[in-house]
């Protein structure tokens, strides 16, 4: 994640926002898992967009 340009990160969040809006989500969570200890299993940058239900805190 540290090697991604700010422009690419910005685009990921912009697209996530567009997807959420297109699906009618009024609340959603965006997640980057960075490193094995964080649960990353695919080792390239990708953003998880989670919504469509009530999201508790802490997650899990």
PDB file of N, CA and C in Angstrom:
ATOM      1  N   UNK A   1       0.829  -1.200   0.000  1.00  0.00           N
ATOM      2  CA  UNK A   1       0.000   0.000   0.000  1.00  0.00           C
ATOM      3  C   UNK A   1       0.866   1.253   0.000  1.00  0.00           C
ATOM      4  N   UNK A   2       2.004   1.195   0.668  1.00  0.00           N
ATOM      5  CA  UNK A   2       2.871   2.373   0.747  1.00  0.00           C
ATOM      6  C   UNK A   2       3.451   2.762  -0.603  1.00  0.00           C
ATOM      7  N   UNK A   3       3.479   1.835  -1.542  1.00  0.00           N
ATOM      8  CA  UNK A   3       4.084   2.131  -2.845  1.00  0.00           C
ATOM      9  C   UNK A   3       3.077   2.666  -3.863  1.00  0.00           C
ATOM     10  N   UNK A   4       1.833   2.844  -3.473  1.00  0.00           N
ATOM     11  CA  UNK A   4       0.808   3.321  -4.399  1.00  0.00           C
ATOM     12  C   UNK A   4       0.814   4.845  -4.420  1.00  0.00           C
ATOM     13  N   UNK A   5       0.673   5.404  -5.595  1.00  0.00           N
ATOM     14  CA  UNK A   5       0.673   6.864  -5.710  1.00  0.00           C
ATOM     15  C   UNK A   5      -0.607   7.444  -5.102  1.00  0.00           C
ATOM     16  N   UNK A   6      -0.522   8.666  -4.600  1.00  0.00           N
ATOM     17  CA  UNK A   6      -1.716   9.326  -4.070  1.00  0.00           C
ATOM     18  C   UNK A   6      -2.837   9.422  -5.105  1.00  0.00           C
ATOM     19  N   UNK A   7      -2.492   9.591  -6.368  1.00  0.00           N
ATOM     20  CA  UNK A   7      -3.518   9.683  -7.410  1.00  0.00           C
ATOM     21  C   UNK A   7      -4.294   8.377  -7.545  1.00  0.00           C
ATOM     22  N   UNK A   8      -3.601   7.247  -7.473  1.00  0.00           N
ATOM     23  CA  UNK A   8      -4.272   5.945  -7.567  1.00  0.00           C
ATOM     24  C   UNK A   8      -5.147   5.715  -6.339  1.00  0.00           C
ATOM     25  N   UNK A   9      -4.646   6.038  -5.161  1.00  0.00           N
ATOM     26  CA  UNK A   9      -5.459   5.897  -3.949  1.00  0.00           C
ATOM     27  C   UNK A   9      -6.715   6.755  -4.037  1.00  0.00           C
ATOM     28  N   UNK A  10      -6.566   7.971  -4.502  1.00  0.00           N
ATOM     29  CA  UNK A  10      -7.710   8.859  -4.662  1.00  0.00           C
ATOM     30  C   UNK A  10      -8.734   8.266  -5.620  1.00  0.00           C
ATOM     31  N   UNK A  11      -8.259   7.696  -6.713  1.00  0.00           N
ATOM     32  CA  UNK A  11      -9.158   7.078  -7.693  1.00  0.00           C
ATOM     33  C   UNK A  11      -9.893   5.875  -7.097  1.00  0.00           C
ATOM     34  N   UNK A  12      -9.206   5.067  -6.305  1.00  0.00           N
ATOM     35  CA  UNK A  12      -9.864   3.925  -5.659  1.00  0.00           C
ATOM     36  C   UNK A  12     -11.030   4.391  -4.786  1.00  0.00           C
ATOM     37  N   UNK A  13     -10.810   5.437  -3.997  1.00  0.00           N
ATOM     38  CA  UNK A  13     -11.882   5.946  -3.141  1.00  0.00           C
ATOM     39  C   UNK A  13     -13.000   6.593  -3.955  1.00  0.00           C
ATOM     40  N   UNK A  14     -12.659   7.271  -5.039  1.00  0.00           N
ATOM     41  CA  UNK A  14     -13.681   7.867  -5.901  1.00  0.00           C
ATOM     42  C   UNK A  14     -14.569   6.795  -6.522  1.00  0.00           C
ATOM     43  N   UNK A  15     -13.951   5.741  -7.020  1.00  0.00           N
ATOM     44  CA  UNK A  15     -14.722   4.652  -7.626  1.00  0.00           C
ATOM     45  C   UNK A  15     -15.574   3.950  -6.571  1.00  0.00           C
ATOM     46  N   UNK A  16     -15.027   3.738  -5.376  1.00  0.00           N
ATOM     47  CA  UNK A  16     -15.809   3.118  -4.297  1.00  0.00           C
ATOM     48  C   UNK A  16     -17.042   3.960  -3.989  1.00  0.00           C
ATOM     49  N   UNK A  17     -16.879   5.270  -3.942  1.00  0.00           N
ATOM     50  CA  UNK A  17     -18.002   6.164  -3.683  1.00  0.00           C
ATOM     51  C   UNK A  17     -19.049   6.070  -4.794  1.00  0.00           C
ATOM     52  N   UNK A  18     -18.607   6.006  -6.035  1.00  0.00           N
ATOM     53  CA  UNK A  18     -19.525   5.869  -7.168  1.00  0.00           C
ATOM     54  C   UNK A  18     -20.281   4.546  -7.106  1.00  0.00           C
ATOM     55  N   UNK A  19     -19.596   3.473  -6.782  1.00  0.00           N
ATOM     56  CA  UNK A  19     -20.248   2.163  -6.672  1.00  0.00           C
ATOM     57  C   UNK A  19     -21.280   2.186  -5.554  1.00  0.00           C
ATOM     58  N   UNK A  20     -20.905   2.739  -4.404  1.00  0.00           N
ATOM     59  CA  UNK A  20     -21.839   2.817  -3.278  1.00  0.00           C
ATOM     60  C   UNK A  20     -23.084   3.606  -3.671  1.00  0.00           C
ATOM     61  N   UNK A  21     -22.907   4.736  -4.323  1.00  0.00           N
ATOM     62  CA  UNK A  21     -24.044   5.556  -4.744  1.00  0.00           C
ATOM     63  C   UNK A  21     -24.913   4.810  -5.751  1.00  0.00           C
ATOM     64  N   UNK A  22     -24.293   4.099  -6.685  1.00  0.00           N
ATOM     65  CA  UNK A  22     -25.061   3.373  -7.701  1.00  0.00           C
ATOM     66  C   UNK A  22     -25.878   2.238  -7.101  1.00  0.00           C
ATOM     67  N   UNK A  23     -25.455   1.751  -5.948  1.00  0.00           N
ATOM     68  CA  UNK A  23     -26.173   0.670  -5.263  1.00  0.00           C
ATOM     69  C   UNK A  23     -27.108   1.198  -4.182  1.00  0.00           C
ATOM     70  N   UNK A  24     -27.176   2.510  -4.040  1.00  0.00           N
ATOM     71  CA  UNK A  24     -28.068   3.110  -3.056  1.00  0.00           C
ATOM     72  C   UNK A  24     -27.596   2.968  -1.620  1.00  0.00           C
ATOM     73  N   UNK A  25     -26.308   2.760  -1.421  1.00  0.00           N
ATOM     74  CA  UNK A  25     -25.782   2.609  -0.064  1.00  0.00           C
ATOM     75  C   UNK A  25     -25.633   3.981   0.581  1.00  0.00           C
ATOM     76  N   UNK A  26     -26.221   4.152   1.741  1.00  0.00           N
ATOM     77  CA  UNK A  26     -26.078   5.415   2.466  1.00  0.00           C
ATOM     78  C   UNK A  26     -25.005   5.320   3.534  1.00  0.00           C
ATOM     79  N   UNK A  27     -24.587   4.117   3.849  1.00  0.00           N
ATOM     80  CA  UNK A  27     -23.493   3.886   4.780  1.00  0.00           C
ATOM     81  C   UNK A  27     -22.687   2.705   4.290  1.00  0.00           C
ATOM     82  N   UNK A  28     -21.397   2.834   4.351  1.00  0.00           N
ATOM     83  CA  UNK A  28     -20.527   1.745   3.905  1.00  0.00           C
ATOM     84  C   UNK A  28     -19.162   1.907   4.538  1.00  0.00           C
ATOM     85  N   UNK A  29     -18.381   0.855   4.465  1.00  0.00           N
ATOM     86  CA  UNK A  29     -17.030   0.844   5.022  1.00  0.00           C
ATOM     87  C   UNK A  29     -16.054   0.512   3.896  1.00  0.00           C
ATOM     88  N   UNK A  30     -14.921   1.217   3.866  1.00  0.00           N
ATOM     89  CA  UNK A  30     -13.850   0.904   2.923  1.00  0.00           C
ATOM     90  C   UNK A  30     -12.667   0.372   3.717  1.00  0.00           C
ATOM     91  N   UNK A  31     -12.067  -0.696   3.208  1.00  0.00           N
ATOM     92  CA  UNK A  31     -11.006  -1.371   3.959  1.00  0.00           C
ATOM     93  C   UNK A  31      -9.856  -1.742   3.028  1.00  0.00           C
ATOM     94  N   UNK A  32      -8.642  -1.486   3.487  1.00  0.00           N
ATOM     95  CA  UNK A  32      -7.436  -2.029   2.883  1.00  0.00           C
ATOM     96  C   UNK A  32      -6.824  -2.975   3.907  1.00  0.00           C
ATOM     97  N   UNK A  33      -6.654  -4.232   3.570  1.00  0.00           N
ATOM     98  CA  UNK A  33      -5.897  -5.158   4.417  1.00  0.00           C
ATOM     99  C   UNK A  33      -4.453  -5.095   3.934  1.00  0.00           C
ATOM    100  N   UNK A  34      -3.560  -4.662   4.799  1.00  0.00           N
ATOM    101  CA  UNK A  34      -2.167  -4.466   4.408  1.00  0.00           C
ATOM    102  C   UNK A  34      -1.265  -5.351   5.248  1.00  0.00           C
ATOM    103  N   UNK A  35      -0.744  -6.403   4.641  1.00  0.00           N
ATOM    104  CA  UNK A  35       0.135  -7.341   5.330  1.00  0.00           C
ATOM    105  C   UNK A  35      -0.608  -8.572   5.812  1.00  0.00           C
ATOM    106  N   UNK A  36       0.123  -9.646   5.976  1.00  0.00           N
ATOM    107  CA  UNK A  36      -0.447 -10.929   6.386  1.00  0.00           C
ATOM    108  C   UNK A  36      -1.186 -10.809   7.716  1.00  0.00           C
ATOM    109  N   UNK A  37      -0.602 -10.106   8.673  1.00  0.00           N
ATOM    110  CA  UNK A  37      -1.229  -9.993   9.992  1.00  0.00           C
ATOM    111  C   UNK A  37      -2.552  -9.239   9.952  1.00  0.00           C
ATOM    112  N   UNK A  38      -2.767  -8.447   8.915  1.00  0.00           N
ATOM    113  CA  UNK A  38      -4.027  -7.726   8.754  1.00  0.00           C
ATOM    114  C   UNK A  38      -5.040  -8.526   7.943  1.00  0.00           C
ATOM    115  N   UNK A  39      -4.648  -9.703   7.478  1.00  0.00           N
ATOM    116  CA  UNK A  39      -5.547 -10.544   6.704  1.00  0.00           C
ATOM    117  C   UNK A  39      -5.388 -10.419   5.200  1.00  0.00           C
ATOM    118  N   UNK A  40      -4.348  -9.730   4.750  1.00  0.00           N
ATOM    119  CA  UNK A  40      -4.139  -9.614   3.312  1.00  0.00           C
ATOM    120  C   UNK A  40      -3.740 -10.971   2.748  1.00  0.00           C
ATOM    121  N   UNK A  41      -4.455 -11.405   1.711  1.00  0.00           N
ATOM    122  CA  UNK A  41      -4.146 -12.684   1.074  1.00  0.00           C
ATOM    123  C   UNK A  41      -3.862 -12.520  -0.415  1.00  0.00           C
ATOM    124  N   UNK A  42      -4.191 -11.374  -0.970  1.00  0.00           N
ATOM    125  CA  UNK A  42      -3.900 -11.049  -2.362  1.00  0.00           C
ATOM    126  C   UNK A  42      -2.957  -9.853  -2.318  1.00  0.00           C
ATOM    127  N   UNK A  43      -1.745 -10.023  -2.799  1.00  0.00           N
ATOM    128  CA  UNK A  43      -0.711  -9.024  -2.561  1.00  0.00           C
ATOM    129  C   UNK A  43      -0.563  -8.023  -3.700  1.00  0.00           C
ATOM    130  N   UNK A  44      -1.654  -7.331  -3.934  1.00  0.00           N
ATOM    131  CA  UNK A  44      -1.669  -6.115  -4.739  1.00  0.00           C
ATOM    132  C   UNK A  44      -2.720  -5.218  -4.095  1.00  0.00           C
ATOM    133  N   UNK A  45      -2.695  -3.959  -4.411  1.00  0.00           N
ATOM    134  CA  UNK A  45      -3.632  -3.026  -3.773  1.00  0.00           C
ATOM    135  C   UNK A  45      -5.044  -3.273  -4.279  1.00  0.00           C
ATOM    136  N   UNK A  46      -5.952  -3.434  -3.367  1.00  0.00           N
ATOM    137  CA  UNK A  46      -7.367  -3.458  -3.689  1.00  0.00           C
ATOM    138  C   UNK A  46      -8.126  -3.003  -2.452  1.00  0.00           C
ATOM    139  N   UNK A  47      -9.267  -2.429  -2.686  1.00  0.00           N
ATOM    140  CA  UNK A  47     -10.080  -1.854  -1.632  1.00  0.00           C
ATOM    141  C   UNK A  47     -11.336  -2.693  -1.469  1.00  0.00           C
ATOM    142  N   UNK A  48     -11.671  -3.012  -0.242  1.00  0.00           N
ATOM    143  CA  UNK A  48     -12.919  -3.716   0.047  1.00  0.00           C
ATOM    144  C   UNK A  48     -13.988  -2.672   0.347  1.00  0.00           C
ATOM    145  N   UNK A  49     -15.139  -2.798  -0.286  1.00  0.00           N
ATOM    146  CA  UNK A  49     -16.283  -1.920  -0.057  1.00  0.00           C
ATOM    147  C   UNK A  49     -17.378  -2.782   0.559  1.00  0.00           C
ATOM    148  N   UNK A  50     -17.734  -2.476   1.798  1.00  0.00           N
ATOM    149  CA  UNK A  50     -18.711  -3.284   2.525  1.00  0.00           C
ATOM    150  C   UNK A  50     -19.882  -2.394   2.912  1.00  0.00           C
ATOM    151  N   UNK A  51     -21.073  -2.812   2.576  1.00  0.00           N
ATOM    152  CA  UNK A  51     -22.266  -2.040   2.903  1.00  0.00           C
ATOM    153  C   UNK A  51     -23.508  -2.886   2.701  1.00  0.00           C
ATOM    154  N   UNK A  52     -24.644  -2.242   2.820  1.00  0.00           N
ATOM    155  CA  UNK A  52     -25.901  -2.931   2.606  1.00  0.00           C
ATOM    156  C   UNK A  52     -26.474  -3.577   3.849  1.00  0.00           C
ATOM    157  N   UNK A  53     -25.831  -3.357   4.986  1.00  0.00           N
ATOM    158  CA  UNK A  53     -26.331  -3.866   6.264  1.00  0.00           C
ATOM    159  C   UNK A  53     -25.734  -3.009   7.370  1.00  0.00           C
ATOM    160  N   UNK A  54     -26.292  -3.128   8.553  1.00  0.00           N
ATOM    161  CA  UNK A  54     -25.744  -2.392   9.692  1.00  0.00           C
ATOM    162  C   UNK A  54     -24.347  -2.924  10.002  1.00  0.00           C
ATOM    163  N   UNK A  55     -23.430  -2.019  10.218  1.00  0.00           N
ATOM    164  CA  UNK A  55     -22.042  -2.386  10.488  1.00  0.00           C
ATOM    165  C   UNK A  55     -21.709  -2.048  11.936  1.00  0.00           C
ATOM    166  N   UNK A  56     -21.318  -3.049  12.686  1.00  0.00           N
ATOM    167  CA  UNK A  56     -21.006  -2.858  14.104  1.00  0.00           C
ATOM    168  C   UNK A  56     -19.555  -2.429  14.274  1.00  0.00           C
ATOM    169  N   UNK A  57     -19.259  -1.876  15.436  1.00  0.00           N
ATOM    170  CA  UNK A  57     -17.874  -1.554  15.794  1.00  0.00           C
ATOM    171  C   UNK A  57     -17.615  -2.090  17.179  1.00  0.00           C
ATOM    172  N   UNK A  58     -16.553  -2.772  17.424  1.00  0.00           N
ATOM    173  CA  UNK A  58     -15.495  -3.066  16.462  1.00  0.00           C
ATOM    174  C   UNK A  58     -15.948  -4.121  15.466  1.00  0.00           C
ATOM    175  N   UNK A  59     -15.341  -4.114  14.272  1.00  0.00           N
ATOM    176  CA  UNK A  59     -15.727  -5.089  13.252  1.00  0.00           C
ATOM    177  C   UNK A  59     -15.349  -6.500  13.671  1.00  0.00           C
ATOM    178  N   UNK A  60     -16.032  -7.454  13.081  1.00  0.00           N
ATOM    179  CA  UNK A  60     -15.659  -8.835  13.357  1.00  0.00           C
ATOM    180  C   UNK A  60     -16.756  -9.725  13.651  1.00  0.00           C
TER     181      UNK A  60
END
